[in-house]
Amino acid sequence: MGVAFGGVILGIPLLLFSTDFVRWFRLAKSTFFATALAFGAVTVVGALTSLLFRRAVPASSEVSGMLVGSFTGGSANMAAIGAALHVPPERFVMTVAADVLVGMVYFFLLITFAPR
């Protein structure tokens, strides 16, 4: 693990040395703004739903935190947040199942009714 960790520590700065951040930001200003706005919206909605459902859902803050991680970075983020919060495996599996089910219904609606 030491060599791999050292390679990452050395590799990231080497990748960033050749990056022209000023030019990159000028070209991608609207994309950067949209991404920041989406992350902010997901965070606000996660906090509000955690407060709204705190009586109905056990550990609603953990579930909201995992879902925010899922929406901003995918399943790997959800798993990382779940591990960081020491979420019981049952709650983690139920959250993933609910995320998949709601996502499946949403995408089904997008490909069937939304195009019309």
PDB file of N, CA and C in Angstrom:
ATOM      1  N   MET A   1       0.816  -1.195   0.000  1.00  0.00           N
ATOM      2  CA  MET A   1       0.000   0.000   0.000  1.00  0.00           C
ATOM      3  C   MET A   1       0.858   1.256   0.000  1.00  0.00           C
ATOM      4  N   GLY A   2       2.029   1.200   0.555  1.00  0.00           N
ATOM      5  CA  GLY A   2       2.883   2.372   0.633  1.00  0.00           C
ATOM      6  C   GLY A   2       3.316   2.879  -0.733  1.00  0.00           C
ATOM      7  N   VAL A   3       3.674   1.952  -1.652  1.00  0.00           N
ATOM      8  CA  VAL A   3       4.112   2.367  -2.981  1.00  0.00           C
ATOM      9  C   VAL A   3       2.947   2.962  -3.764  1.00  0.00           C
ATOM     10  N   ALA A   4       1.793   2.324  -3.689  1.00  0.00           N
ATOM     11  CA  ALA A   4       0.617   2.837  -4.403  1.00  0.00           C
ATOM     12  C   ALA A   4       0.217   4.208  -3.863  1.00  0.00           C
ATOM     13  N   PHE A   5       0.219   4.357  -2.564  1.00  0.00           N
ATOM     14  CA  PHE A   5      -0.124   5.642  -1.954  1.00  0.00           C
ATOM     15  C   PHE A   5       0.871   6.715  -2.375  1.00  0.00           C
ATOM     16  N   GLY A   6       2.149   6.373  -2.362  1.00  0.00           N
ATOM     17  CA  GLY A   6       3.175   7.319  -2.796  1.00  0.00           C
ATOM     18  C   GLY A   6       3.019   7.685  -4.259  1.00  0.00           C
ATOM     19  N   GLY A   7       2.620   6.720  -5.089  1.00  0.00           N
ATOM     20  CA  GLY A   7       2.395   7.001  -6.506  1.00  0.00           C
ATOM     21  C   GLY A   7       1.255   7.977  -6.720  1.00  0.00           C
ATOM     22  N   VAL A   8       0.208   7.825  -5.931  1.00  0.00           N
ATOM     23  CA  VAL A   8      -0.922   8.751  -6.032  1.00  0.00           C
ATOM     24  C   VAL A   8      -0.507  10.143  -5.563  1.00  0.00           C
ATOM     25  N   ILE A   9       0.214  10.204  -4.459  1.00  0.00           N
ATOM     26  CA  ILE A   9       0.677  11.485  -3.925  1.00  0.00           C
ATOM     27  C   ILE A   9       1.571  12.196  -4.945  1.00  0.00           C
ATOM     28  N   LEU A  10       2.387  11.448  -5.666  1.00  0.00           N
ATOM     29  CA  LEU A  10       3.265  12.026  -6.672  1.00  0.00           C
ATOM     30  C   LEU A  10       2.532  12.308  -7.980  1.00  0.00           C
ATOM     31  N   GLY A  11       1.590  11.447  -8.345  1.00  0.00           N
ATOM     32  CA  GLY A  11       0.917  11.553  -9.639  1.00  0.00           C
ATOM     33  C   GLY A  11      -0.068  12.708  -9.740  1.00  0.00           C
ATOM     34  N   ILE A  12      -0.800  12.984  -8.699  1.00  0.00           N
ATOM     35  CA  ILE A  12      -1.814  14.051  -8.767  1.00  0.00           C
ATOM     36  C   ILE A  12      -1.186  15.417  -9.045  1.00  0.00           C
ATOM     37  N   PRO A  13      -0.137  15.819  -8.334  1.00  0.00           N
ATOM     38  CA  PRO A  13       0.472  17.109  -8.691  1.00  0.00           C
ATOM     39  C   PRO A  13       1.039  17.130 -10.112  1.00  0.00           C
ATOM     40  N   LEU A  14       1.601  16.016 -10.564  1.00  0.00           N
ATOM     41  CA  LEU A  14       2.137  15.977 -11.925  1.00  0.00           C
ATOM     42  C   LEU A  14       1.034  16.163 -12.957  1.00  0.00           C
ATOM     43  N   LEU A  15      -0.139  15.623 -12.699  1.00  0.00           N
ATOM     44  CA  LEU A  15      -1.272  15.826 -13.606  1.00  0.00           C
ATOM     45  C   LEU A  15      -1.740  17.279 -13.580  1.00  0.00           C
ATOM     46  N   LEU A  16      -1.716  17.888 -12.418  1.00  0.00           N
ATOM     47  CA  LEU A  16      -2.236  19.246 -12.273  1.00  0.00           C
ATOM     48  C   LEU A  16      -1.270  20.314 -12.768  1.00  0.00           C
ATOM     49  N   PHE A  17       0.021  20.013 -12.849  1.00  0.00           N
ATOM     50  CA  PHE A  17       0.997  21.006 -13.313  1.00  0.00           C
ATOM     51  C   PHE A  17       0.699  21.484 -14.724  1.00  0.00           C
ATOM     52  N   SER A  18       0.199  20.590 -15.575  1.00  0.00           N
ATOM     53  CA  SER A  18      -0.034  20.954 -16.970  1.00  0.00           C
ATOM     54  C   SER A  18      -1.427  21.544 -17.206  1.00  0.00           C
ATOM     55  N   THR A  19      -2.208  21.711 -16.168  1.00  0.00           N
ATOM     56  CA  THR A  19      -3.566  22.216 -16.312  1.00  0.00           C
ATOM     57  C   THR A  19      -3.584  23.740 -16.258  1.00  0.00           C
ATOM     58  N   ASP A  20      -4.238  24.338 -17.239  1.00  0.00           N
ATOM     59  CA  ASP A  20      -4.407  25.789 -17.278  1.00  0.00           C
ATOM     60  C   ASP A  20      -5.786  26.108 -16.693  1.00  0.00           C
ATOM     61  N   PHE A  21      -5.831  26.305 -15.373  1.00  0.00           N
ATOM     62  CA  PHE A  21      -7.104  26.475 -14.684  1.00  0.00           C
ATOM     63  C   PHE A  21      -7.856  27.731 -15.126  1.00  0.00           C
ATOM     64  N   VAL A  22      -7.136  28.805 -15.426  1.00  0.00           N
ATOM     65  CA  VAL A  22      -7.798  30.042 -15.838  1.00  0.00           C
ATOM     66  C   VAL A  22      -8.522  29.817 -17.164  1.00  0.00           C
ATOM     67  N   ARG A  23      -7.849  29.205 -18.113  1.00  0.00           N
ATOM     68  CA  ARG A  23      -8.474  28.915 -19.423  1.00  0.00           C
ATOM     69  C   ARG A  23      -9.617  27.911 -19.266  1.00  0.00           C
ATOM     70  N   TRP A  24      -9.382  26.889 -18.440  1.00  0.00           N
ATOM     71  CA  TRP A  24     -10.401  25.870 -18.220  1.00  0.00           C
ATOM     72  C   TRP A  24     -11.660  26.492 -17.622  1.00  0.00           C
ATOM     73  N   PHE A  25     -11.503  27.366 -16.647  1.00  0.00           N
ATOM     74  CA  PHE A  25     -12.661  27.980 -16.017  1.00  0.00           C
ATOM     75  C   PHE A  25     -13.388  28.903 -16.992  1.00  0.00           C
ATOM     76  N   ARG A  26     -12.650  29.626 -17.828  1.00  0.00           N
ATOM     77  CA  ARG A  26     -13.270  30.502 -18.812  1.00  0.00           C
ATOM     78  C   ARG A  26     -14.106  29.706 -19.815  1.00  0.00           C
ATOM     79  N   LEU A  27     -13.601  28.556 -20.237  1.00  0.00           N
ATOM     80  CA  LEU A  27     -14.317  27.727 -21.205  1.00  0.00           C
ATOM     81  C   LEU A  27     -15.514  26.999 -20.586  1.00  0.00           C
ATOM     82  N   ALA A  28     -15.390  26.640 -19.334  1.00  0.00           N
ATOM     83  CA  ALA A  28     -16.425  25.816 -18.703  1.00  0.00           C
ATOM     84  C   ALA A  28     -17.168  26.554 -17.603  1.00  0.00           C
ATOM     85  N   LYS A  29     -17.267  27.873 -17.700  1.00  0.00           N
ATOM     86  CA  LYS A  29     -17.892  28.658 -16.636  1.00  0.00           C
ATOM     87  C   LYS A  29     -19.341  28.240 -16.394  1.00  0.00           C
ATOM     88  N   SER A  30     -20.127  28.095 -17.468  1.00  0.00           N
ATOM     89  CA  SER A  30     -21.538  27.725 -17.283  1.00  0.00           C
ATOM     90  C   SER A  30     -21.672  26.297 -16.760  1.00  0.00           C
ATOM     91  N   THR A  31     -20.788  25.398 -17.202  1.00  0.00           N
ATOM     92  CA  THR A  31     -20.827  24.022 -16.710  1.00  0.00           C
ATOM     93  C   THR A  31     -20.467  23.971 -15.232  1.00  0.00           C
ATOM     94  N   PHE A  32     -19.444  24.712 -14.862  1.00  0.00           N
ATOM     95  CA  PHE A  32     -19.046  24.769 -13.460  1.00  0.00           C
ATOM     96  C   PHE A  32     -20.166  25.343 -12.599  1.00  0.00           C
ATOM     97  N   PHE A  33     -20.798  26.400 -13.072  1.00  0.00           N
ATOM     98  CA  PHE A  33     -21.899  27.016 -12.337  1.00  0.00           C
ATOM     99  C   PHE A  33     -23.070  26.047 -12.185  1.00  0.00           C
ATOM    100  N   ALA A  34     -23.416  25.339 -13.263  1.00  0.00           N
ATOM    101  CA  ALA A  34     -24.528  24.382 -13.216  1.00  0.00           C
ATOM    102  C   ALA A  34     -24.227  23.234 -12.256  1.00  0.00           C
ATOM    103  N   THR A  35     -22.989  22.757 -12.264  1.00  0.00           N
ATOM    104  CA  THR A  35     -22.619  21.671 -11.356  1.00  0.00           C
ATOM    105  C   THR A  35     -22.662  22.140  -9.906  1.00  0.00           C
ATOM    106  N   ALA A  36     -22.146  23.319  -9.640  1.00  0.00           N
ATOM    107  CA  ALA A  36     -22.187  23.854  -8.277  1.00  0.00           C
ATOM    108  C   ALA A  36     -23.630  24.068  -7.820  1.00  0.00           C
ATOM    109  N   LEU A  37     -24.467  24.552  -8.719  1.00  0.00           N
ATOM    110  CA  LEU A  37     -25.876  24.752  -8.396  1.00  0.00           C
ATOM    111  C   LEU A  37     -26.574  23.419  -8.112  1.00  0.00           C
ATOM    112  N   ALA A  38     -26.266  22.400  -8.900  1.00  0.00           N
ATOM    113  CA  ALA A  38     -26.858  21.074  -8.677  1.00  0.00           C
ATOM    114  C   ALA A  38     -26.406  20.491  -7.341  1.00  0.00           C
ATOM    115  N   PHE A  39     -25.112  20.598  -7.030  1.00  0.00           N
ATOM    116  CA  PHE A  39     -24.623  20.097  -5.744  1.00  0.00           C
ATOM    117  C   PHE A  39     -25.286  20.832  -4.589  1.00  0.00           C
ATOM    118  N   GLY A  40     -25.421  22.141  -4.714  1.00  0.00           N
ATOM    119  CA  GLY A  40     -26.080  22.920  -3.675  1.00  0.00           C
ATOM    120  C   GLY A  40     -27.536  22.543  -3.507  1.00  0.00           C
ATOM    121  N   ALA A  41     -28.232  22.351  -4.631  1.00  0.00           N
ATOM    122  CA  ALA A  41     -29.647  21.977  -4.574  1.00  0.00           C
ATOM    123  C   ALA A  41     -29.824  20.616  -3.907  1.00  0.00           C
ATOM    124  N   VAL A  42     -28.970  19.663  -4.267  1.00  0.00           N
ATOM    125  CA  VAL A  42     -29.069  18.328  -3.671  1.00  0.00           C
ATOM    126  C   VAL A  42     -28.788  18.393  -2.171  1.00  0.00           C
ATOM    127  N   THR A  43     -27.836  19.202  -1.771  1.00  0.00           N
ATOM    128  CA  THR A  43     -27.513  19.336  -0.355  1.00  0.00           C
ATOM    129  C   THR A  43     -28.675  19.961   0.413  1.00  0.00           C
ATOM    130  N   VAL A  44     -29.261  21.014  -0.130  1.00  0.00           N
ATOM    131  CA  VAL A  44     -30.394  21.681   0.535  1.00  0.00           C
ATOM    132  C   VAL A  44     -31.591  20.734   0.626  1.00  0.00           C
ATOM    133  N   VAL A  45     -31.896  20.053  -0.473  1.00  0.00           N
ATOM    134  CA  VAL A  45     -33.035  19.119  -0.465  1.00  0.00           C
ATOM    135  C   VAL A  45     -32.777  17.972   0.509  1.00  0.00           C
ATOM    136  N   GLY A  46     -31.538  17.480   0.562  1.00  0.00           N
ATOM    137  CA  GLY A  46     -31.206  16.420   1.520  1.00  0.00           C
ATOM    138  C   GLY A  46     -31.405  16.868   2.956  1.00  0.00           C
ATOM    139  N   ALA A  47     -30.967  18.079   3.263  1.00  0.00           N
ATOM    140  CA  ALA A  47     -31.138  18.595   4.623  1.00  0.00           C
ATOM    141  C   ALA A  47     -32.613  18.795   4.959  1.00  0.00           C
ATOM    142  N   LEU A  48     -33.369  19.349   4.013  1.00  0.00           N
ATOM    143  CA  LEU A  48     -34.796  19.576   4.267  1.00  0.00           C
ATOM    144  C   LEU A  48     -35.570  18.273   4.430  1.00  0.00           C
ATOM    145  N   THR A  49     -35.281  17.285   3.585  1.00  0.00           N
ATOM    146  CA  THR A  49     -36.002  16.010   3.715  1.00  0.00           C
ATOM    147  C   THR A  49     -35.603  15.289   4.997  1.00  0.00           C
ATOM    148  N   SER A  50     -34.355  15.455   5.414  1.00  0.00           N
ATOM    149  CA  SER A  50     -33.943  14.858   6.681  1.00  0.00           C
ATOM    150  C   SER A  50     -34.758  15.448   7.830  1.00  0.00           C
ATOM    151  N   LEU A  51     -34.947  16.751   7.810  1.00  0.00           N
ATOM    152  CA  LEU A  51     -35.752  17.394   8.854  1.00  0.00           C
ATOM    153  C   LEU A  51     -37.230  17.042   8.729  1.00  0.00           C
ATOM    154  N   LEU A  52     -37.715  16.990   7.492  1.00  0.00           N
ATOM    155  CA  LEU A  52     -39.132  16.711   7.263  1.00  0.00           C
ATOM    156  C   LEU A  52     -39.529  15.303   7.687  1.00  0.00           C
ATOM    157  N   PHE A  53     -38.648  14.325   7.446  1.00  0.00           N
ATOM    158  CA  PHE A  53     -38.974  12.924   7.721  1.00  0.00           C
ATOM    159  C   PHE A  53     -38.309  12.384   8.980  1.00  0.00           C
ATOM    160  N   ARG A  54     -37.823  13.247   9.849  1.00  0.00           N
ATOM    161  CA  ARG A  54     -37.084  12.765  11.017  1.00  0.00           C
ATOM    162  C   ARG A  54     -37.949  11.933  11.967  1.00  0.00           C
ATOM    163  N   ARG A  55     -39.245  12.142  11.973  1.00  0.00           N
ATOM    164  CA  ARG A  55     -40.122  11.340  12.843  1.00  0.00           C
ATOM    165  C   ARG A  55     -40.578  10.057  12.163  1.00  0.00           C
ATOM    166  N   ALA A  56     -40.718  10.078  10.853  1.00  0.00           N
ATOM    167  CA  ALA A  56     -41.234   8.915  10.125  1.00  0.00           C
ATOM    168  C   ALA A  56     -40.154   7.911   9.739  1.00  0.00           C
ATOM    169  N   VAL A  57     -38.944   8.382   9.510  1.00  0.00           N
ATOM    170  CA  VAL A  57     -37.858   7.507   9.046  1.00  0.00           C
ATOM    171  C   VAL A  57     -36.788   7.440  10.123  1.00  0.00           C
ATOM    172  N   PRO A  58     -36.495   6.224  10.612  1.00  0.00           N
ATOM    173  CA  PRO A  58     -35.419   6.136  11.605  1.00  0.00           C
ATOM    174  C   PRO A  58     -34.083   6.520  10.978  1.00  0.00           C
ATOM    175  N   ALA A  59     -33.329   7.330  11.670  1.00  0.00           N
ATOM    176  CA  ALA A  59     -32.019   7.806  11.201  1.00  0.00           C
ATOM    177  C   ALA A  59     -32.135   8.472   9.835  1.00  0.00           C
ATOM    178  N   SER A  60     -33.083   9.392   9.707  1.00  0.00           N
ATOM    179  CA  SER A  60     -33.305  10.064   8.421  1.00  0.00           C
ATOM    180  C   SER A  60     -32.093  10.875   7.980  1.00  0.00           C
ATOM    181  N   SER A  61     -31.303  11.359   8.915  1.00  0.00           N
ATOM    182  CA  SER A  61     -30.113  12.120   8.532  1.00  0.00           C
ATOM    183  C   SER A  61     -29.081  11.220   7.852  1.00  0.00           C
ATOM    184  N   GLU A  62     -28.943   9.977   8.325  1.00  0.00           N
ATOM    185  CA  GLU A  62     -28.028   9.034   7.679  1.00  0.00           C
ATOM    186  C   GLU A  62     -28.509   8.696   6.269  1.00  0.00           C
ATOM    187  N   VAL A  63     -29.795   8.431   6.139  1.00  0.00           N
ATOM    188  CA  VAL A  63     -30.360   8.087   4.832  1.00  0.00           C
ATOM    189  C   VAL A  63     -30.218   9.264   3.872  1.00  0.00           C
ATOM    190  N   SER A  64     -30.521  10.469   4.336  1.00  0.00           N
ATOM    191  CA  SER A  64     -30.379  11.650   3.487  1.00  0.00           C
ATOM    192  C   SER A  64     -28.933  11.873   3.085  1.00  0.00           C
ATOM    193  N   GLY A  65     -28.031  11.697   4.008  1.00  0.00           N
ATOM    194  CA  GLY A  65     -26.612  11.850   3.696  1.00  0.00           C
ATOM    195  C   GLY A  65     -26.145  10.869   2.646  1.00  0.00           C
ATOM    196  N   MET A  66     -26.573   9.617   2.771  1.00  0.00           N
ATOM    197  CA  MET A  66     -26.189   8.612   1.770  1.00  0.00           C
ATOM    198  C   MET A  66     -26.798   8.935   0.411  1.00  0.00           C
ATOM    199  N   LEU A  67     -28.043   9.395   0.395  1.00  0.00           N
ATOM    200  CA  LEU A  67     -28.676   9.731  -0.880  1.00  0.00           C
ATOM    201  C   LEU A  67     -28.027  10.953  -1.527  1.00  0.00           C
ATOM    202  N   VAL A  68     -27.623  11.928  -0.733  1.00  0.00           N
ATOM    203  CA  VAL A  68     -26.893  13.069  -1.292  1.00  0.00           C
ATOM    204  C   VAL A  68     -25.594  12.579  -1.926  1.00  0.00           C
ATOM    205  N   GLY A  69     -24.904  11.670  -1.260  1.00  0.00           N
ATOM    206  CA  GLY A  69     -23.685  11.097  -1.837  1.00  0.00           C
ATOM    207  C   GLY A  69     -23.959  10.357  -3.128  1.00  0.00           C
ATOM    208  N   SER A  70     -25.063   9.637  -3.168  1.00  0.00           N
ATOM    209  CA  SER A  70     -25.418   8.906  -4.381  1.00  0.00           C
ATOM    210  C   SER A  70     -25.724   9.846  -5.529  1.00  0.00           C
ATOM    211  N   PHE A  71     -26.437  10.921  -5.261  1.00  0.00           N
ATOM    212  CA  PHE A  71     -26.840  11.845  -6.326  1.00  0.00           C
ATOM    213  C   PHE A  71     -25.663  12.683  -6.814  1.00  0.00           C
ATOM    214  N   THR A  72     -24.678  12.933  -5.960  1.00  0.00           N
ATOM    215  CA  THR A  72     -23.547  13.765  -6.385  1.00  0.00           C
ATOM    216  C   THR A  72     -22.375  12.958  -6.908  1.00  0.00           C
ATOM    217  N   GLY A  73     -22.300  11.683  -6.601  1.00  0.00           N
ATOM    218  CA  GLY A  73     -21.135  10.938  -7.060  1.00  0.00           C
ATOM    219  C   GLY A  73     -21.362   9.467  -7.313  1.00  0.00           C
ATOM    220  N   GLY A  74     -22.577   9.003  -7.192  1.00  0.00           N
ATOM    221  CA  GLY A  74     -22.861   7.611  -7.494  1.00  0.00           C
ATOM    222  C   GLY A  74     -22.814   6.711  -6.278  1.00  0.00           C
ATOM    223  N   SER A  75     -22.924   5.428  -6.554  1.00  0.00           N
ATOM    224  CA  SER A  75     -23.013   4.418  -5.499  1.00  0.00           C
ATOM    225  C   SER A  75     -21.766   4.355  -4.639  1.00  0.00           C
ATOM    226  N   ALA A  76     -20.612   4.637  -5.227  1.00  0.00           N
ATOM    227  CA  ALA A  76     -19.380   4.612  -4.432  1.00  0.00           C
ATOM    228  C   ALA A  76     -19.426   5.668  -3.330  1.00  0.00           C
ATOM    229  N   ASN A  77     -19.935   6.846  -3.645  1.00  0.00           N
ATOM    230  CA  ASN A  77     -20.072   7.881  -2.619  1.00  0.00           C
ATOM    231  C   ASN A  77     -21.081   7.469  -1.558  1.00  0.00           C
ATOM    232  N   MET A  78     -22.177   6.836  -1.989  1.00  0.00           N
ATOM    233  CA  MET A  78     -23.173   6.375  -1.025  1.00  0.00           C
ATOM    234  C   MET A  78     -22.546   5.375  -0.056  1.00  0.00           C
ATOM    235  N   ALA A  79     -21.773   4.445  -0.588  1.00  0.00           N
ATOM    236  CA  ALA A  79     -21.122   3.446   0.262  1.00  0.00           C
ATOM    237  C   ALA A  79     -20.106   4.087   1.195  1.00  0.00           C
ATOM    238  N   ALA A  80     -19.360   5.073   0.694  1.00  0.00           N
ATOM    239  CA  ALA A  80     -18.358   5.744   1.529  1.00  0.00           C
ATOM    240  C   ALA A  80     -19.018   6.516   2.665  1.00  0.00           C
ATOM    241  N   ILE A  81     -20.097   7.203   2.368  1.00  0.00           N
ATOM    242  CA  ILE A  81     -20.799   7.955   3.417  1.00  0.00           C
ATOM    243  C   ILE A  81     -21.426   6.996   4.420  1.00  0.00           C
ATOM    244  N   GLY A  82     -22.005   5.908   3.924  1.00  0.00           N
ATOM    245  CA  GLY A  82     -22.567   4.904   4.828  1.00  0.00           C
ATOM    246  C   GLY A  82     -21.514   4.327   5.760  1.00  0.00           C
ATOM    247  N   ALA A  83     -20.322   4.057   5.217  1.00  0.00           N
ATOM    248  CA  ALA A  83     -19.238   3.521   6.044  1.00  0.00           C
ATOM    249  C   ALA A  83     -18.760   4.571   7.049  1.00  0.00           C
ATOM    250  N   ALA A  84     -18.661   5.824   6.619  1.00  0.00           N
ATOM    251  CA  ALA A  84     -18.197   6.884   7.517  1.00  0.00           C
ATOM    252  C   ALA A  84     -19.175   7.121   8.656  1.00  0.00           C
ATOM    253  N   LEU A  85     -20.470   6.952   8.385  1.00  0.00           N
ATOM    254  CA  LEU A  85     -21.489   7.166   9.417  1.00  0.00           C
ATOM    255  C   LEU A  85     -21.792   5.904  10.220  1.00  0.00           C
ATOM    256  N   HIS A  86     -21.110   4.795   9.902  1.00  0.00           N
ATOM    257  CA  HIS A  86     -21.330   3.504  10.571  1.00  0.00           C
ATOM    258  C   HIS A  86     -22.797   3.076  10.482  1.00  0.00           C
ATOM    259  N   VAL A  87     -23.349   3.167   9.271  1.00  0.00           N
ATOM    260  CA  VAL A  87     -24.740   2.795   9.036  1.00  0.00           C
ATOM    261  C   VAL A  87     -24.852   1.271   9.082  1.00  0.00           C
ATOM    262  N   PRO A  88     -25.842   0.728   9.786  1.00  0.00           N
ATOM    263  CA  PRO A  88     -26.026  -0.722   9.804  1.00  0.00           C
ATOM    264  C   PRO A  88     -26.277  -1.257   8.383  1.00  0.00           C
ATOM    265  N   PRO A  89     -25.791  -2.460   8.092  1.00  0.00           N
ATOM    266  CA  PRO A  89     -25.940  -3.013   6.742  1.00  0.00           C
ATOM    267  C   PRO A  89     -27.398  -3.072   6.268  1.00  0.00           C
ATOM    268  N   GLU A  90     -28.320  -3.355   7.162  1.00  0.00           N
ATOM    269  CA  GLU A  90     -29.732  -3.435   6.769  1.00  0.00           C
ATOM    270  C   GLU A  90     -30.234  -2.089   6.251  1.00  0.00           C
ATOM    271  N   ARG A  91     -29.885  -1.017   6.948  1.00  0.00           N
ATOM    272  CA  ARG A  91     -30.314   0.315   6.528  1.00  0.00           C
ATOM    273  C   ARG A  91     -29.658   0.701   5.209  1.00  0.00           C
ATOM    274  N   PHE A  92     -28.393   0.322   5.040  1.00  0.00           N
ATOM    275  CA  PHE A  92     -27.700   0.621   3.796  1.00  0.00           C
ATOM    276  C   PHE A  92     -28.368  -0.091   2.622  1.00  0.00           C
ATOM    277  N   VAL A  93     -28.673  -1.357   2.787  1.00  0.00           N
ATOM    278  CA  VAL A  93     -29.311  -2.131   1.713  1.00  0.00           C
ATOM    279  C   VAL A  93     -30.694  -1.573   1.395  1.00  0.00           C
ATOM    280  N   MET A  94     -31.447  -1.207   2.415  1.00  0.00           N
ATOM    281  CA  MET A  94     -32.778  -0.632   2.179  1.00  0.00           C
ATOM    282  C   MET A  94     -32.678   0.708   1.446  1.00  0.00           C
ATOM    283  N   THR A  95     -31.679   1.513   1.777  1.00  0.00           N
ATOM    284  CA  THR A  95     -31.501   2.801   1.098  1.00  0.00           C
ATOM    285  C   THR A  95     -31.120   2.595  -0.354  1.00  0.00           C
ATOM    286  N   VAL A  96     -30.215   1.658  -0.626  1.00  0.00           N
ATOM    287  CA  VAL A  96     -29.832   1.362  -2.009  1.00  0.00           C
ATOM    288  C   VAL A  96     -31.035   0.836  -2.788  1.00  0.00           C
ATOM    289  N   ALA A  97     -31.811  -0.056  -2.169  1.00  0.00           N
ATOM    290  CA  ALA A  97     -32.991  -0.602  -2.847  1.00  0.00           C
ATOM    291  C   ALA A  97     -34.003   0.500  -3.160  1.00  0.00           C
ATOM    292  N   ALA A  98     -34.234   1.403  -2.229  1.00  0.00           N
ATOM    293  CA  ALA A  98     -35.169   2.504  -2.477  1.00  0.00           C
ATOM    294  C   ALA A  98     -34.644   3.415  -3.576  1.00  0.00           C
ATOM    295  N   ASP A  99     -33.340   3.677  -3.581  1.00  0.00           N
ATOM    296  CA  ASP A  99     -32.733   4.521  -4.616  1.00  0.00           C
ATOM    297  C   ASP A  99     -32.883   3.873  -5.989  1.00  0.00           C
ATOM    298  N   VAL A 100     -32.634   2.583  -6.072  1.00  0.00           N
ATOM    299  CA  VAL A 100     -32.757   1.874  -7.352  1.00  0.00           C
ATOM    300  C   VAL A 100     -34.215   1.853  -7.810  1.00  0.00           C
ATOM    301  N   LEU A 101     -35.139   1.592  -6.898  1.00  0.00           N
ATOM    302  CA  LEU A 101     -36.551   1.523  -7.262  1.00  0.00           C
ATOM    303  C   LEU A 101     -37.069   2.873  -7.763  1.00  0.00           C
ATOM    304  N   VAL A 102     -36.787   3.931  -7.034  1.00  0.00           N
ATOM    305  CA  VAL A 102     -37.243   5.258  -7.449  1.00  0.00           C
ATOM    306  C   VAL A 102     -36.563   5.671  -8.754  1.00  0.00           C
ATOM    307  N   GLY A 103     -35.270   5.386  -8.876  1.00  0.00           N
ATOM    308  CA  GLY A 103     -34.555   5.694 -10.115  1.00  0.00           C
ATOM    309  C   GLY A 103     -35.110   4.933 -11.301  1.00  0.00           C
ATOM    310  N   MET A 104     -35.479   3.675 -11.090  1.00  0.00           N
ATOM    311  CA  MET A 104     -36.048   2.855 -12.157  1.00  0.00           C
ATOM    312  C   MET A 104     -37.381   3.432 -12.633  1.00  0.00           C
ATOM    313  N   VAL A 105     -38.232   3.815 -11.708  1.00  0.00           N
ATOM    314  CA  VAL A 105     -39.524   4.410 -12.075  1.00  0.00           C
ATOM    315  C   VAL A 105     -39.308   5.732 -12.808  1.00  0.00           C
ATOM    316  N   TYR A 106     -38.381   6.538 -12.311  1.00  0.00           N
ATOM    317  CA  TYR A 106     -38.086   7.827 -12.939  1.00  0.00           C
ATOM    318  C   TYR A 106     -37.592   7.636 -14.374  1.00  0.00           C
ATOM    319  N   PHE A 107     -36.637   6.750 -14.576  1.00  0.00           N
ATOM    320  CA  PHE A 107     -36.113   6.532 -15.931  1.00  0.00           C
ATOM    321  C   PHE A 107     -37.151   5.896 -16.837  1.00  0.00           C
ATOM    322  N   PHE A 108     -38.004   5.041 -16.292  1.00  0.00           N
ATOM    323  CA  PHE A 108     -39.091   4.471 -17.087  1.00  0.00           C
ATOM    324  C   PHE A 108     -40.020   5.582 -17.595  1.00  0.00           C
ATOM    325  N   LEU A 109     -40.344   6.523 -16.707  1.00  0.00           N
ATOM    326  CA  LEU A 109     -41.178   7.652 -17.120  1.00  0.00           C
ATOM    327  C   LEU A 109     -40.466   8.521 -18.161  1.00  0.00           C
ATOM    328  N   LEU A 110     -39.160   8.679 -18.013  1.00  0.00           N
ATOM    329  CA  LEU A 110     -38.402   9.483 -18.978  1.00  0.00           C
ATOM    330  C   LEU A 110     -38.410   8.862 -20.367  1.00  0.00           C
ATOM    331  N   ILE A 111     -38.312   7.547 -20.450  1.00  0.00           N
ATOM    332  CA  ILE A 111     -38.218   6.928 -21.776  1.00  0.00           C
ATOM    333  C   ILE A 111     -39.570   6.573 -22.367  1.00  0.00           C
ATOM    334  N   THR A 112     -40.627   6.629 -21.576  1.00  0.00           N
ATOM    335  CA  THR A 112     -41.938   6.290 -22.125  1.00  0.00           C
ATOM    336  C   THR A 112     -42.830   7.513 -22.357  1.00  0.00           C
ATOM    337  N   PHE A 113     -43.087   8.288 -21.326  1.00  0.00           N
ATOM    338  CA  PHE A 113     -44.042   9.383 -21.433  1.00  0.00           C
ATOM    339  C   PHE A 113     -43.400  10.757 -21.681  1.00  0.00           C
ATOM    340  N   ALA A 114     -42.218  10.973 -21.144  1.00  0.00           N
ATOM    341  CA  ALA A 114     -41.586  12.290 -21.253  1.00  0.00           C
ATOM    342  C   ALA A 114     -41.260  12.721 -22.683  1.00  0.00           C
ATOM    343  N   PRO A 115     -40.825  11.834 -23.573  1.00  0.00           N
ATOM    344  CA  PRO A 115     -40.502  12.296 -24.924  1.00  0.00           C
ATOM    345  C   PRO A 115     -41.695  12.933 -25.656  1.00  0.00           C
ATOM    346  N   ARG A 116     -42.889  12.497 -25.365  1.00  0.00           N
ATOM    347  CA  ARG A 116     -44.060  13.067 -26.012  1.00  0.00           C
ATOM    348  C   ARG A 116     -44.385  14.402 -25.407  1.00  0.00           C
TER     349      ARG A 116
END
